[in-house]
Amino acid sequence: MLFAAASNEHAGFVGSLAPHGGWLVTMIAAGVVVAMIGGTAALEMRRNMAAWMIAGFVVTFVIIDVLHAVAVSV
């Protein structure tokens, strides 16, 4: 379901930003925000910042993809 086109019914706020419904834009934006939060947390805990940022982005990307698949299938 990754990168599948979404209908305009499930486009949400950023639906006008991309012809495919905007869900990919939302996924990337959310992933970047979570990556920045993860990087900040890693810095505070003196952990590997890159690993936390990558993990935060990937986990967010997967969660939003699953939620998108559920929303489109309803």
PDB file of N, CA and C in Angstrom:
ATOM      1  N   MET A   1       0.821  -1.186   0.000  1.00  0.00           N
ATOM      2  CA  MET A   1       0.000   0.000   0.000  1.00  0.00           C
ATOM      3  C   MET A   1       0.869   1.255   0.000  1.00  0.00           C
ATOM      4  N   LEU A   2       2.139   1.076   0.231  1.00  0.00           N
ATOM      5  CA  LEU A   2       3.043   2.214   0.264  1.00  0.00           C
ATOM      6  C   LEU A   2       3.040   2.924  -1.082  1.00  0.00           C
ATOM      7  N   PHE A   3       2.906   4.232  -1.066  1.00  0.00           N
ATOM      8  CA  PHE A   3       2.875   5.093  -2.240  1.00  0.00           C
ATOM      9  C   PHE A   3       1.646   4.887  -3.119  1.00  0.00           C
ATOM     10  N   ALA A   4       0.613   4.280  -2.588  1.00  0.00           N
ATOM     11  CA  ALA A   4      -0.620   4.127  -3.361  1.00  0.00           C
ATOM     12  C   ALA A   4      -1.365   5.453  -3.379  1.00  0.00           C
ATOM     13  N   ALA A   5      -2.077   5.691  -4.454  1.00  0.00           N
ATOM     14  CA  ALA A   5      -2.819   6.944  -4.585  1.00  0.00           C
ATOM     15  C   ALA A   5      -4.020   6.947  -3.647  1.00  0.00           C
ATOM     16  N   ALA A   6      -4.254   8.075  -3.027  1.00  0.00           N
ATOM     17  CA  ALA A   6      -5.391   8.209  -2.110  1.00  0.00           C
ATOM     18  C   ALA A   6      -6.495   8.996  -2.790  1.00  0.00           C
ATOM     19  N   SER A   7      -7.711   8.709  -2.425  1.00  0.00           N
ATOM     20  CA  SER A   7      -8.823   9.480  -2.961  1.00  0.00           C
ATOM     21  C   SER A   7      -8.881  10.818  -2.242  1.00  0.00           C
ATOM     22  N   ASN A   8      -9.551  11.774  -2.851  1.00  0.00           N
ATOM     23  CA  ASN A   8      -9.653  13.100  -2.244  1.00  0.00           C
ATOM     24  C   ASN A   8     -10.483  13.090  -0.970  1.00  0.00           C
ATOM     25  N   GLU A   9     -11.283  12.051  -0.746  1.00  0.00           N
ATOM     26  CA  GLU A   9     -12.076  11.960   0.475  1.00  0.00           C
ATOM     27  C   GLU A   9     -11.177  11.887   1.701  1.00  0.00           C
ATOM     28  N   HIS A  10     -10.024  11.262   1.576  1.00  0.00           N
ATOM     29  CA  HIS A  10      -9.122  11.051   2.702  1.00  0.00           C
ATOM     30  C   HIS A  10      -7.911  11.975   2.637  1.00  0.00           C
ATOM     31  N   ALA A  11      -8.029  13.057   1.873  1.00  0.00           N
ATOM     32  CA  ALA A  11      -6.875  13.918   1.643  1.00  0.00           C
ATOM     33  C   ALA A  11      -6.482  14.709   2.884  1.00  0.00           C
ATOM     34  N   GLY A  12      -7.439  15.156   3.666  1.00  0.00           N
ATOM     35  CA  GLY A  12      -7.118  15.933   4.853  1.00  0.00           C
ATOM     36  C   GLY A  12      -6.693  17.347   4.513  1.00  0.00           C
ATOM     37  N   PHE A  13      -6.026  17.992   5.456  1.00  0.00           N
ATOM     38  CA  PHE A  13      -5.668  19.400   5.329  1.00  0.00           C
ATOM     39  C   PHE A  13      -4.725  19.677   4.168  1.00  0.00           C
ATOM     40  N   VAL A  14      -3.750  18.808   3.946  1.00  0.00           N
ATOM     41  CA  VAL A  14      -2.750  19.070   2.910  1.00  0.00           C
ATOM     42  C   VAL A  14      -3.138  18.456   1.571  1.00  0.00           C
ATOM     43  N   GLY A  15      -4.391  18.125   1.394  1.00  0.00           N
ATOM     44  CA  GLY A  15      -4.842  17.506   0.151  1.00  0.00           C
ATOM     45  C   GLY A  15      -4.589  18.354  -1.070  1.00  0.00           C
ATOM     46  N   SER A  16      -4.590  19.670  -0.910  1.00  0.00           N
ATOM     47  CA  SER A  16      -4.387  20.538  -2.060  1.00  0.00           C
ATOM     48  C   SER A  16      -2.914  20.691  -2.422  1.00  0.00           C
ATOM     49  N   LEU A  17      -2.006  20.179  -1.601  1.00  0.00           N
ATOM     50  CA  LEU A  17      -0.575  20.342  -1.867  1.00  0.00           C
ATOM     51  C   LEU A  17      -0.042  19.365  -2.901  1.00  0.00           C
ATOM     52  N   ALA A  18      -0.730  18.275  -3.125  1.00  0.00           N
ATOM     53  CA  ALA A  18      -0.243  17.272  -4.062  1.00  0.00           C
ATOM     54  C   ALA A  18      -1.427  16.630  -4.779  1.00  0.00           C
ATOM     55  N   PRO A  19      -1.257  16.291  -6.045  1.00  0.00           N
ATOM     56  CA  PRO A  19      -2.370  15.722  -6.809  1.00  0.00           C
ATOM     57  C   PRO A  19      -2.827  14.356  -6.314  1.00  0.00           C
ATOM     58  N   HIS A  20      -1.976  13.636  -5.593  1.00  0.00           N
ATOM     59  CA  HIS A  20      -2.336  12.294  -5.129  1.00  0.00           C
ATOM     60  C   HIS A  20      -3.049  12.327  -3.788  1.00  0.00           C
ATOM     61  N   GLY A  21      -3.408  13.483  -3.294  1.00  0.00           N
ATOM     62  CA  GLY A  21      -4.149  13.581  -2.051  1.00  0.00           C
ATOM     63  C   GLY A  21      -3.350  14.171  -0.909  1.00  0.00           C
ATOM     64  N   GLY A  22      -2.068  14.251  -1.023  1.00  0.00           N
ATOM     65  CA  GLY A  22      -1.260  14.901  -0.010  1.00  0.00           C
ATOM     66  C   GLY A  22      -0.809  14.016   1.136  1.00  0.00           C
ATOM     67  N   TRP A  23      -1.162  12.745   1.134  1.00  0.00           N
ATOM     68  CA  TRP A  23      -0.789  11.892   2.270  1.00  0.00           C
ATOM     69  C   TRP A  23       0.714  11.687   2.330  1.00  0.00           C
ATOM     70  N   LEU A  24       1.392  11.643   1.182  1.00  0.00           N
ATOM     71  CA  LEU A  24       2.845  11.467   1.191  1.00  0.00           C
ATOM     72  C   LEU A  24       3.526  12.695   1.797  1.00  0.00           C
ATOM     73  N   VAL A  25       3.010  13.878   1.467  1.00  0.00           N
ATOM     74  CA  VAL A  25       3.546  15.113   2.043  1.00  0.00           C
ATOM     75  C   VAL A  25       3.377  15.088   3.560  1.00  0.00           C
ATOM     76  N   THR A  26       2.217  14.630   4.011  1.00  0.00           N
ATOM     77  CA  THR A  26       1.947  14.533   5.443  1.00  0.00           C
ATOM     78  C   THR A  26       2.896  13.552   6.109  1.00  0.00           C
ATOM     79  N   MET A  27       3.131  12.405   5.466  1.00  0.00           N
ATOM     80  CA  MET A  27       4.020  11.388   6.028  1.00  0.00           C
ATOM     81  C   MET A  27       5.436  11.921   6.191  1.00  0.00           C
ATOM     82  N   ILE A  28       5.922  12.596   5.169  1.00  0.00           N
ATOM     83  CA  ILE A  28       7.292  13.107   5.220  1.00  0.00           C
ATOM     84  C   ILE A  28       7.416  14.216   6.264  1.00  0.00           C
ATOM     85  N   ALA A  29       6.427  15.117   6.296  1.00  0.00           N
ATOM     86  CA  ALA A  29       6.468  16.209   7.280  1.00  0.00           C
ATOM     87  C   ALA A  29       6.437  15.663   8.707  1.00  0.00           C
ATOM     88  N   ALA A  30       5.548  14.714   8.961  1.00  0.00           N
ATOM     89  CA  ALA A  30       5.464  14.129  10.305  1.00  0.00           C
ATOM     90  C   ALA A  30       6.751  13.392  10.654  1.00  0.00           C
ATOM     91  N   GLY A  31       7.311  12.674   9.685  1.00  0.00           N
ATOM     92  CA  GLY A  31       8.558  11.951   9.925  1.00  0.00           C
ATOM     93  C   GLY A  31       9.707  12.876  10.270  1.00  0.00           C
ATOM     94  N   VAL A  32       9.781  14.009   9.578  1.00  0.00           N
ATOM     95  CA  VAL A  32      10.848  14.975   9.848  1.00  0.00           C
ATOM     96  C   VAL A  32      10.688  15.573  11.245  1.00  0.00           C
ATOM     97  N   VAL A  33       9.451  15.904  11.611  1.00  0.00           N
ATOM     98  CA  VAL A  33       9.214  16.469  12.946  1.00  0.00           C
ATOM     99  C   VAL A  33       9.596  15.466  14.032  1.00  0.00           C
ATOM    100  N   VAL A  34       9.175  14.219  13.877  1.00  0.00           N
ATOM    101  CA  VAL A  34       9.507  13.199  14.873  1.00  0.00           C
ATOM    102  C   VAL A  34      11.015  12.948  14.892  1.00  0.00           C
ATOM    103  N   ALA A  35      11.659  12.995  13.735  1.00  0.00           N
ATOM    104  CA  ALA A  35      13.113  12.819  13.689  1.00  0.00           C
ATOM    105  C   ALA A  35      13.816  13.934  14.462  1.00  0.00           C
ATOM    106  N   MET A  36      13.325  15.161  14.328  1.00  0.00           N
ATOM    107  CA  MET A  36      13.930  16.270  15.074  1.00  0.00           C
ATOM    108  C   MET A  36      13.717  16.099  16.578  1.00  0.00           C
ATOM    109  N   ILE A  37      12.531  15.646  16.968  1.00  0.00           N
ATOM    110  CA  ILE A  37      12.273  15.393  18.389  1.00  0.00           C
ATOM    111  C   ILE A  37      13.176  14.268  18.894  1.00  0.00           C
ATOM    112  N   GLY A  38      13.310  13.201  18.099  1.00  0.00           N
ATOM    113  CA  GLY A  38      14.188  12.091  18.473  1.00  0.00           C
ATOM    114  C   GLY A  38      15.640  12.524  18.586  1.00  0.00           C
ATOM    115  N   GLY A  39      16.072  13.387  17.682  1.00  0.00           N
ATOM    116  CA  GLY A  39      17.432  13.906  17.743  1.00  0.00           C
ATOM    117  C   GLY A  39      17.678  14.730  18.991  1.00  0.00           C
ATOM    118  N   THR A  40      16.684  15.534  19.356  1.00  0.00           N
ATOM    119  CA  THR A  40      16.796  16.335  20.578  1.00  0.00           C
ATOM    120  C   THR A  40      16.852  15.443  21.811  1.00  0.00           C
ATOM    121  N   ALA A  41      16.002  14.425  21.843  1.00  0.00           N
ATOM    122  CA  ALA A  41      16.007  13.488  22.976  1.00  0.00           C
ATOM    123  C   ALA A  41      17.345  12.764  23.066  1.00  0.00           C
ATOM    124  N   ALA A  42      17.875  12.346  21.918  1.00  0.00           N
ATOM    125  CA  ALA A  42      19.160  11.648  21.908  1.00  0.00           C
ATOM    126  C   ALA A  42      20.278  12.554  22.414  1.00  0.00           C
ATOM    127  N   LEU A  43      20.220  13.817  22.028  1.00  0.00           N
ATOM    128  CA  LEU A  43      21.228  14.771  22.477  1.00  0.00           C
ATOM    129  C   LEU A  43      21.179  14.944  23.996  1.00  0.00           C
ATOM    130  N   GLU A  44      19.959  15.019  24.530  1.00  0.00           N
ATOM    131  CA  GLU A  44      19.798  15.165  25.978  1.00  0.00           C
ATOM    132  C   GLU A  44      20.288  13.928  26.729  1.00  0.00           C
ATOM    133  N   MET A  45      20.078  12.746  26.140  1.00  0.00           N
ATOM    134  CA  MET A  45      20.469  11.497  26.805  1.00  0.00           C
ATOM    135  C   MET A  45      21.879  11.051  26.422  1.00  0.00           C
ATOM    136  N   ARG A  46      22.545  11.846  25.588  1.00  0.00           N
ATOM    137  CA  ARG A  46      23.889  11.529  25.103  1.00  0.00           C
ATOM    138  C   ARG A  46      23.929  10.180  24.383  1.00  0.00           C
ATOM    139  N   ARG A  47      22.963   9.992  23.488  1.00  0.00           N
ATOM    140  CA  ARG A  47      22.880   8.783  22.671  1.00  0.00           C
ATOM    141  C   ARG A  47      23.239   9.133  21.232  1.00  0.00           C
ATOM    142  N   ASN A  48      23.183   8.139  20.358  1.00  0.00           N
ATOM    143  CA  ASN A  48      23.496   8.331  18.948  1.00  0.00           C
ATOM    144  C   ASN A  48      22.357   9.088  18.267  1.00  0.00           C
ATOM    145  N   MET A  49      22.601  10.347  17.937  1.00  0.00           N
ATOM    146  CA  MET A  49      21.562  11.203  17.378  1.00  0.00           C
ATOM    147  C   MET A  49      21.069  10.700  16.027  1.00  0.00           C
ATOM    148  N   ALA A  50      21.964  10.278  15.152  1.00  0.00           N
ATOM    149  CA  ALA A  50      21.561   9.819  13.819  1.00  0.00           C
ATOM    150  C   ALA A  50      20.650   8.600  13.906  1.00  0.00           C
ATOM    151  N   ALA A  51      20.987   7.667  14.771  1.00  0.00           N
ATOM    152  CA  ALA A  51      20.167   6.457  14.907  1.00  0.00           C
ATOM    153  C   ALA A  51      18.768   6.800  15.401  1.00  0.00           C
ATOM    154  N   TRP A  52      18.665   7.691  16.373  1.00  0.00           N
ATOM    155  CA  TRP A  52      17.357   8.072  16.903  1.00  0.00           C
ATOM    156  C   TRP A  52      16.542   8.821  15.856  1.00  0.00           C
ATOM    157  N   MET A  53      17.192   9.674  15.072  1.00  0.00           N
ATOM    158  CA  MET A  53      16.474  10.432  14.047  1.00  0.00           C
ATOM    159  C   MET A  53      15.971   9.514  12.942  1.00  0.00           C
ATOM    160  N   ILE A  54      16.814   8.595  12.499  1.00  0.00           N
ATOM    161  CA  ILE A  54      16.406   7.653  11.449  1.00  0.00           C
ATOM    162  C   ILE A  54      15.289   6.752  11.953  1.00  0.00           C
ATOM    163  N   ALA A  55      15.427   6.241  13.160  1.00  0.00           N
ATOM    164  CA  ALA A  55      14.393   5.370  13.720  1.00  0.00           C
ATOM    165  C   ALA A  55      13.073   6.117  13.882  1.00  0.00           C
ATOM    166  N   GLY A  56      13.124   7.336  14.361  1.00  0.00           N
ATOM    167  CA  GLY A  56      11.907   8.133  14.510  1.00  0.00           C
ATOM    168  C   GLY A  56      11.216   8.370  13.190  1.00  0.00           C
ATOM    169  N   PHE A  57      11.990   8.683  12.152  1.00  0.00           N
ATOM    170  CA  PHE A  57      11.414   8.913  10.825  1.00  0.00           C
ATOM    171  C   PHE A  57      10.780   7.642  10.279  1.00  0.00           C
ATOM    172  N   VAL A  58      11.501   6.535  10.358  1.00  0.00           N
ATOM    173  CA  VAL A  58      11.008   5.271   9.791  1.00  0.00           C
ATOM    174  C   VAL A  58       9.761   4.787  10.522  1.00  0.00           C
ATOM    175  N   VAL A  59       9.785   4.822  11.843  1.00  0.00           N
ATOM    176  CA  VAL A  59       8.619   4.364  12.615  1.00  0.00           C
ATOM    177  C   VAL A  59       7.401   5.237  12.308  1.00  0.00           C
ATOM    178  N   THR A  60       7.590   6.541  12.252  1.00  0.00           N
ATOM    179  CA  THR A  60       6.477   7.436  11.919  1.00  0.00           C
ATOM    180  C   THR A  60       5.954   7.150  10.523  1.00  0.00           C
ATOM    181  N   PHE A  61       6.858   6.953   9.567  1.00  0.00           N
ATOM    182  CA  PHE A  61       6.475   6.669   8.184  1.00  0.00           C
ATOM    183  C   PHE A  61       5.626   5.401   8.119  1.00  0.00           C
ATOM    184  N   VAL A  62       6.035   4.362   8.828  1.00  0.00           N
ATOM    185  CA  VAL A  62       5.305   3.086   8.817  1.00  0.00           C
ATOM    186  C   VAL A  62       3.937   3.236   9.482  1.00  0.00           C
ATOM    187  N   ILE A  63       3.885   3.904  10.625  1.00  0.00           N
ATOM    188  CA  ILE A  63       2.608   4.072  11.325  1.00  0.00           C
ATOM    189  C   ILE A  63       1.616   4.849  10.465  1.00  0.00           C
ATOM    190  N   ILE A  64       2.064   5.932   9.850  1.00  0.00           N
ATOM    191  CA  ILE A  64       1.155   6.722   9.023  1.00  0.00           C
ATOM    192  C   ILE A  64       0.742   5.941   7.784  1.00  0.00           C
ATOM    193  N   ASP A  65       1.637   5.135   7.224  1.00  0.00           N
ATOM    194  CA  ASP A  65       1.275   4.320   6.069  1.00  0.00           C
ATOM    195  C   ASP A  65       0.186   3.316   6.437  1.00  0.00           C
ATOM    196  N   VAL A  66       0.293   2.701   7.596  1.00  0.00           N
ATOM    197  CA  VAL A  66      -0.732   1.747   8.045  1.00  0.00           C
ATOM    198  C   VAL A  66      -2.060   2.472   8.267  1.00  0.00           C
ATOM    199  N   LEU A  67      -2.016   3.627   8.922  1.00  0.00           N
ATOM    200  CA  LEU A  67      -3.246   4.392   9.141  1.00  0.00           C
ATOM    201  C   LEU A  67      -3.876   4.819   7.820  1.00  0.00           C
ATOM    202  N   HIS A  68      -3.047   5.187   6.856  1.00  0.00           N
ATOM    203  CA  HIS A  68      -3.559   5.566   5.537  1.00  0.00           C
ATOM    204  C   HIS A  68      -4.223   4.374   4.859  1.00  0.00           C
ATOM    205  N   ALA A  69      -3.604   3.211   4.946  1.00  0.00           N
ATOM    206  CA  ALA A  69      -4.182   2.010   4.339  1.00  0.00           C
ATOM    207  C   ALA A  69      -5.541   1.690   4.955  1.00  0.00           C
ATOM    208  N   VAL A  70      -5.653   1.856   6.260  1.00  0.00           N
ATOM    209  CA  VAL A  70      -6.935   1.613   6.933  1.00  0.00           C
ATOM    210  C   VAL A  70      -7.967   2.644   6.492  1.00  0.00           C
ATOM    211  N   ALA A  71      -7.570   3.910   6.414  1.00  0.00           N
ATOM    212  CA  ALA A  71      -8.507   4.968   6.027  1.00  0.00           C
ATOM    213  C   ALA A  71      -9.013   4.783   4.601  1.00  0.00           C
ATOM    214  N   VAL A  72      -8.146   4.359   3.704  1.00  0.00           N
ATOM    215  CA  VAL A  72      -8.545   4.176   2.309  1.00  0.00           C
ATOM    216  C   VAL A  72      -9.431   2.951   2.155  1.00  0.00           C
ATOM    217  N   SER A  73      -9.208   1.935   2.962  1.00  0.00           N
ATOM    218  CA  SER A  73      -9.982   0.698   2.827  1.00  0.00           C
ATOM    219  C   SER A  73     -11.380   0.810   3.427  1.00  0.00           C
ATOM    220  N   VAL A  74     -11.626   1.839   4.213  1.00  0.00           N
ATOM    221  CA  VAL A  74     -12.948   1.990   4.858  1.00  0.00           C
ATOM    222  C   VAL A  74     -13.937   2.550   3.873  1.00  0.00           C
TER     223      VAL A  74
END
